[in-house]
């Protein structure tokens, strides 16, 4: 997969989170916590993982994103995962 900027990842992630959480993308901040602030439950978190994996053709596992709590964490981990060539 071609290199994707952190900003593009953030834009795509906000679109997906907006759909899952029912919150306007423009209202979602990098510091928002997925569970506490956006209200994602475990099923929605798995759906997020699935959609991101599909969008970027990644082979993400739950273990790859276990420590993420905020939107910013997700962006950083995805960018790191993609730039290191993991899963490809």
N, C-alpha and C. Protein backbone atom coordinates (compact mmCIF):
# COMPACT_ATOMS: atom_id res chain seq x y z
N UNK A 1 0.83 -1.18 0.00
CA UNK A 1 0.00 0.00 0.00
C UNK A 1 0.87 1.24 0.00
N UNK A 2 0.44 2.26 -0.70
CA UNK A 2 1.17 3.52 -0.76
C UNK A 2 1.16 4.19 0.61
N UNK A 3 2.15 5.01 0.83
CA UNK A 3 2.26 5.73 2.09
C UNK A 3 1.05 6.66 2.26
N UNK A 4 0.53 6.66 3.46
CA UNK A 4 -0.62 7.49 3.78
C UNK A 4 -0.22 8.42 4.92
N UNK A 5 -0.53 9.70 4.78
CA UNK A 5 -0.16 10.66 5.82
C UNK A 5 -1.03 10.47 7.05
N UNK A 6 -0.49 10.91 8.17
CA UNK A 6 -1.24 10.86 9.42
C UNK A 6 -2.52 11.69 9.30
N UNK A 7 -2.46 12.79 8.56
CA UNK A 7 -3.65 13.64 8.39
C UNK A 7 -4.73 12.92 7.59
N UNK A 8 -4.34 12.17 6.57
CA UNK A 8 -5.33 11.40 5.80
C UNK A 8 -5.94 10.30 6.66
N UNK A 9 -5.11 9.66 7.46
CA UNK A 9 -5.63 8.64 8.38
C UNK A 9 -6.64 9.27 9.32
N UNK A 10 -6.30 10.44 9.86
CA UNK A 10 -7.20 11.13 10.79
C UNK A 10 -8.53 11.46 10.11
N UNK A 11 -8.47 11.98 8.89
CA UNK A 11 -9.69 12.32 8.16
C UNK A 11 -10.57 11.09 7.95
N UNK A 12 -9.97 10.00 7.51
CA UNK A 12 -10.72 8.76 7.29
C UNK A 12 -11.28 8.22 8.60
N UNK A 13 -10.46 8.28 9.65
CA UNK A 13 -10.89 7.78 10.95
C UNK A 13 -12.07 8.58 11.48
N UNK A 14 -12.03 9.90 11.33
CA UNK A 14 -13.13 10.74 11.81
C UNK A 14 -14.43 10.40 11.09
N UNK A 15 -14.33 10.12 9.80
CA UNK A 15 -15.52 9.73 9.03
C UNK A 15 -16.12 8.43 9.59
N UNK A 16 -15.27 7.46 9.83
CA UNK A 16 -15.73 6.17 10.35
C UNK A 16 -16.30 6.34 11.76
N UNK A 17 -15.58 7.06 12.61
CA UNK A 17 -16.05 7.27 13.99
C UNK A 17 -17.36 8.03 14.02
N UNK A 18 -17.52 8.98 13.11
CA UNK A 18 -18.76 9.74 13.04
C UNK A 18 -19.94 8.81 12.77
N UNK A 19 -19.75 7.88 11.86
CA UNK A 19 -20.81 6.92 11.54
C UNK A 19 -21.10 6.00 12.73
N UNK A 20 -20.05 5.51 13.36
CA UNK A 20 -20.23 4.55 14.46
C UNK A 20 -20.78 5.20 15.73
N UNK A 21 -20.31 6.40 16.03
CA UNK A 21 -20.68 7.05 17.29
C UNK A 21 -21.87 7.99 17.15
N UNK A 22 -22.26 8.30 15.91
CA UNK A 22 -23.37 9.22 15.71
C UNK A 22 -23.03 10.64 16.12
N UNK A 23 -21.77 11.02 15.92
CA UNK A 23 -21.28 12.35 16.27
C UNK A 23 -20.71 12.98 15.00
N UNK A 24 -20.97 14.27 14.79
CA UNK A 24 -20.41 14.95 13.62
C UNK A 24 -18.89 14.88 13.67
N UNK A 25 -18.29 14.58 12.54
CA UNK A 25 -16.83 14.45 12.47
C UNK A 25 -16.13 15.71 12.97
N UNK A 26 -16.71 16.86 12.68
CA UNK A 26 -16.09 18.13 13.08
C UNK A 26 -16.06 18.32 14.60
N UNK A 27 -16.85 17.54 15.32
CA UNK A 27 -16.89 17.66 16.78
C UNK A 27 -15.96 16.68 17.48
N UNK A 28 -15.37 15.76 16.73
CA UNK A 28 -14.49 14.75 17.31
C UNK A 28 -13.07 15.31 17.40
N UNK A 29 -12.48 15.20 18.58
CA UNK A 29 -11.14 15.71 18.83
C UNK A 29 -10.15 14.56 19.02
N UNK A 30 -8.87 14.83 18.80
CA UNK A 30 -7.84 13.81 19.00
C UNK A 30 -7.80 13.31 20.44
N UNK A 31 -8.20 14.15 21.37
CA UNK A 31 -8.15 13.77 22.79
C UNK A 31 -9.39 13.00 23.24
N UNK A 32 -10.39 12.89 22.38
CA UNK A 32 -11.60 12.14 22.75
C UNK A 32 -11.26 10.67 22.94
N UNK A 33 -11.75 10.13 24.06
CA UNK A 33 -11.56 8.71 24.34
C UNK A 33 -12.65 7.92 23.63
N UNK A 34 -12.27 6.82 23.03
CA UNK A 34 -13.20 6.04 22.22
C UNK A 34 -14.40 5.57 23.03
N UNK A 35 -14.17 5.04 24.20
CA UNK A 35 -15.26 4.50 25.00
C UNK A 35 -15.95 5.60 25.82
N UNK A 36 -15.18 6.32 26.61
CA UNK A 36 -15.77 7.26 27.56
C UNK A 36 -16.39 8.48 26.90
N UNK A 37 -15.73 9.05 25.89
CA UNK A 37 -16.23 10.28 25.27
C UNK A 37 -17.12 10.03 24.06
N UNK A 38 -16.75 9.04 23.25
CA UNK A 38 -17.52 8.76 22.03
C UNK A 38 -18.55 7.66 22.23
N UNK A 39 -18.46 6.95 23.34
CA UNK A 39 -19.46 5.94 23.67
C UNK A 39 -19.37 4.65 22.89
N UNK A 40 -18.21 4.35 22.31
CA UNK A 40 -18.08 3.10 21.56
C UNK A 40 -18.05 1.92 22.52
N UNK A 41 -18.87 0.93 22.24
CA UNK A 41 -18.82 -0.30 23.02
C UNK A 41 -17.87 -1.28 22.33
N UNK A 42 -17.75 -2.47 22.88
CA UNK A 42 -16.78 -3.42 22.33
C UNK A 42 -17.12 -3.83 20.90
N UNK A 43 -18.40 -3.97 20.59
CA UNK A 43 -18.79 -4.33 19.22
C UNK A 43 -18.46 -3.22 18.23
N UNK A 44 -18.72 -1.99 18.64
CA UNK A 44 -18.40 -0.85 17.77
C UNK A 44 -16.89 -0.71 17.60
N UNK A 45 -16.14 -1.03 18.64
CA UNK A 45 -14.68 -0.99 18.53
C UNK A 45 -14.19 -2.03 17.54
N UNK A 46 -14.79 -3.21 17.55
CA UNK A 46 -14.43 -4.24 16.58
C UNK A 46 -14.81 -3.81 15.16
N UNK A 47 -15.95 -3.15 15.03
CA UNK A 47 -16.38 -2.63 13.73
C UNK A 47 -15.39 -1.57 13.24
N UNK A 48 -14.93 -0.72 14.14
CA UNK A 48 -13.92 0.28 13.79
C UNK A 48 -12.66 -0.40 13.26
N UNK A 49 -12.20 -1.42 13.96
CA UNK A 49 -11.02 -2.17 13.54
C UNK A 49 -11.23 -2.78 12.15
N UNK A 50 -12.40 -3.35 11.94
CA UNK A 50 -12.72 -3.97 10.66
C UNK A 50 -12.74 -2.95 9.52
N UNK A 51 -13.39 -1.82 9.76
CA UNK A 51 -13.48 -0.79 8.71
C UNK A 51 -12.13 -0.19 8.36
N UNK A 52 -11.32 0.05 9.38
CA UNK A 52 -9.98 0.59 9.13
C UNK A 52 -9.14 -0.43 8.37
N UNK A 53 -9.23 -1.68 8.78
CA UNK A 53 -8.49 -2.76 8.09
C UNK A 53 -8.89 -2.83 6.62
N UNK A 54 -10.19 -2.76 6.36
CA UNK A 54 -10.68 -2.81 4.99
C UNK A 54 -10.25 -1.58 4.18
N UNK A 55 -10.37 -0.41 4.79
CA UNK A 55 -10.04 0.83 4.07
C UNK A 55 -8.60 0.85 3.61
N UNK A 56 -7.70 0.38 4.47
CA UNK A 56 -6.27 0.44 4.15
C UNK A 56 -5.67 -0.90 3.77
N UNK A 57 -6.52 -1.90 3.60
CA UNK A 57 -6.07 -3.24 3.23
C UNK A 57 -4.98 -3.74 4.18
N UNK A 58 -5.27 -3.63 5.47
CA UNK A 58 -4.35 -4.06 6.51
C UNK A 58 -4.84 -5.33 7.16
N UNK A 59 -3.91 -6.07 7.71
CA UNK A 59 -4.24 -7.27 8.46
C UNK A 59 -4.07 -6.95 9.95
N UNK A 60 -4.94 -6.08 10.46
CA UNK A 60 -4.86 -5.67 11.85
C UNK A 60 -5.49 -6.73 12.75
N UNK A 61 -4.86 -6.93 13.87
CA UNK A 61 -5.39 -7.82 14.90
C UNK A 61 -5.72 -6.98 16.12
N UNK A 62 -6.59 -7.50 16.96
CA UNK A 62 -6.97 -6.79 18.18
C UNK A 62 -5.73 -6.41 18.98
N UNK A 63 -4.75 -7.30 19.02
CA UNK A 63 -3.53 -7.04 19.78
C UNK A 63 -2.78 -5.81 19.28
N UNK A 64 -2.94 -5.50 18.00
CA UNK A 64 -2.25 -4.34 17.43
C UNK A 64 -2.77 -3.02 17.97
N UNK A 65 -3.98 -3.03 18.47
CA UNK A 65 -4.61 -1.77 18.92
C UNK A 65 -5.13 -1.86 20.36
N UNK A 66 -4.61 -2.80 21.11
CA UNK A 66 -5.09 -3.00 22.49
C UNK A 66 -4.90 -1.78 23.38
N UNK A 67 -3.82 -1.04 23.18
CA UNK A 67 -3.49 0.05 24.09
C UNK A 67 -4.06 1.40 23.69
N UNK A 68 -4.77 1.46 22.58
CA UNK A 68 -5.29 2.76 22.15
C UNK A 68 -6.52 3.13 22.98
N UNK A 69 -6.57 4.39 23.35
CA UNK A 69 -7.72 4.88 24.11
C UNK A 69 -8.36 6.10 23.47
N UNK A 70 -7.55 6.92 22.81
CA UNK A 70 -8.07 8.15 22.22
C UNK A 70 -8.01 8.10 20.70
N UNK A 71 -8.69 9.04 20.08
CA UNK A 71 -8.66 9.17 18.63
C UNK A 71 -7.21 9.38 18.17
N UNK A 72 -6.49 10.23 18.86
CA UNK A 72 -5.09 10.48 18.52
C UNK A 72 -4.23 9.23 18.61
N UNK A 73 -4.51 8.39 19.63
CA UNK A 73 -3.79 7.12 19.77
C UNK A 73 -4.00 6.25 18.53
N UNK A 74 -5.24 6.19 18.06
CA UNK A 74 -5.55 5.36 16.90
C UNK A 74 -4.79 5.86 15.68
N UNK A 75 -4.80 7.17 15.46
CA UNK A 75 -4.09 7.75 14.31
C UNK A 75 -2.60 7.42 14.39
N UNK A 76 -2.00 7.63 15.55
CA UNK A 76 -0.56 7.35 15.70
C UNK A 76 -0.24 5.88 15.47
N UNK A 77 -1.04 4.98 16.05
CA UNK A 77 -0.77 3.55 15.90
C UNK A 77 -0.96 3.09 14.46
N UNK A 78 -2.00 3.58 13.80
CA UNK A 78 -2.21 3.21 12.40
C UNK A 78 -1.07 3.72 11.52
N UNK A 79 -0.68 4.97 11.74
CA UNK A 79 0.40 5.54 10.94
C UNK A 79 1.69 4.75 11.17
N UNK A 80 1.98 4.44 12.41
CA UNK A 80 3.17 3.64 12.73
C UNK A 80 3.09 2.27 12.09
N UNK A 81 1.94 1.63 12.19
CA UNK A 81 1.73 0.30 11.62
C UNK A 81 1.97 0.33 10.11
N UNK A 82 1.45 1.35 9.44
CA UNK A 82 1.57 1.42 7.99
C UNK A 82 2.97 1.81 7.54
N UNK A 83 3.63 2.71 8.26
CA UNK A 83 4.96 3.13 7.83
C UNK A 83 6.02 2.08 8.13
N UNK A 84 5.75 1.20 9.08
CA UNK A 84 6.69 0.12 9.38
C UNK A 84 6.46 -1.08 8.49
N UNK A 85 5.39 -1.03 7.69
CA UNK A 85 5.13 -2.12 6.76
C UNK A 85 4.61 -3.37 7.42
N UNK A 86 4.08 -3.26 8.63
CA UNK A 86 3.56 -4.43 9.34
C UNK A 86 2.34 -4.98 8.63
N UNK A 87 2.22 -6.28 8.66
CA UNK A 87 1.04 -6.93 8.12
C UNK A 87 0.99 -7.01 6.62
N UNK A 88 1.99 -6.55 5.94
CA UNK A 88 1.98 -6.58 4.48
C UNK A 88 2.92 -7.62 3.97
